[in-house]
Amino acid sequence: MPGRRRQAILFTVLGIVVIVLTVVLSFGWIVLNWRTGIYFVLGLIFFLLAIAGMVLNTIFLVRAIRKNEQHDAFLNAVTHELKTPVASIKLYLETLERREVPETKRREFYRIMLDDSNRLMGTIEQVLEASSIGNRNDRGKHEVSMTDVIADCVQVAQERHHLENDRLHVEKKLPTGDQAIVRGDAQELKSAVSNLIENAVKYSAGDVKVTIKLERLTPHSVAVKVRDQGMGMAKAELKRIFARFYRIPGINSQKVKGTGLGLFIVRSVAKRYGGRVYAESGGAGLGSTFTMELQSEFRPKGLVS
């Protein structure tokens, strides 16, 4: 990673040097030949083209290096996310095989192995989901209640992270008795909402207090807002975090595990349903709010087909 950064700096400096030399030479040539009109025009055109080419070349080189860095970070994260639970499961199985373990300890081992298995499956499903998002055909569309989607996702998150009921608080700001109905695939919508909740839980720095709000925006759109009181982020990161593989620099990967795909999946799902997703934060340590807007209808409960 440091080597790649040095390469990026080197290419940037070289690009700037070449641009400066081009400017000096072209400007000097134009000054010397300004009286001969055709030379002046050709020199000016060459000057502009040369500058544009050098700038674009430098930008593309730096972007390519940054993408390679992100790919390396992704591979490292995925390797860690796959290797760690497998090693843990193997260790507990070897312990159970080689020695007699009291029943209480045995049940604890089973629970830990089950948690590790769920973590392993979650990583695999996330990678598969991200790889298929841009290539899949439209699945069968059904009328999906976002109230039910959120309830299911909250239950899964509570069980996965062993959270008390008051740690994930759900609020609904819908017309009395109505449900928000989105036409689409329930599993895709659950994937998006689950990733928002998982992200909020992971970045809560241990003290998990997450609010999930379902709010009507217009007669034809609904918002799912997930607010945490965790690490927060700088303003410059608010758009970058939705890129594939991107993780905020400086985050301790041992404390906050992940592949850098969760928010990319959320953004992709939101786009497929004619919506958008964006983040807000007051800065480091001030928590974050993620809002996913979707096209929706509103109907009384019980009228969902």
Foldseek 3Di string as FASTA:
>chain_A
DVVLVVVLVVLVVVLVVQLVVLCVVLVVQLVVCVVPPVSNVVSVVVSVVVNVVSVVVSVVVNVVSVVVVLVVLLVVQLCCQQPVLVVLLVVLVVVVVPDDDDPVVNVVSVVSNVLSVVSNVVSVVLVVLLVCLVPDDFDQKFKDFVVVLLVVLVVVVCVSVVHDPQLEAEEEADPPQKTWIAIGDSVLVSLLNNLLQLVQQLQQQPRRRKYWYWHDDDQWKIKTKIWTQGFFADPVCFPVLLDASDDDPPDDCVSRGDSSRSSVSNQSSLVVQVWGKTKDGPHTRGIIMIMRMGTTHMDGPPPGD
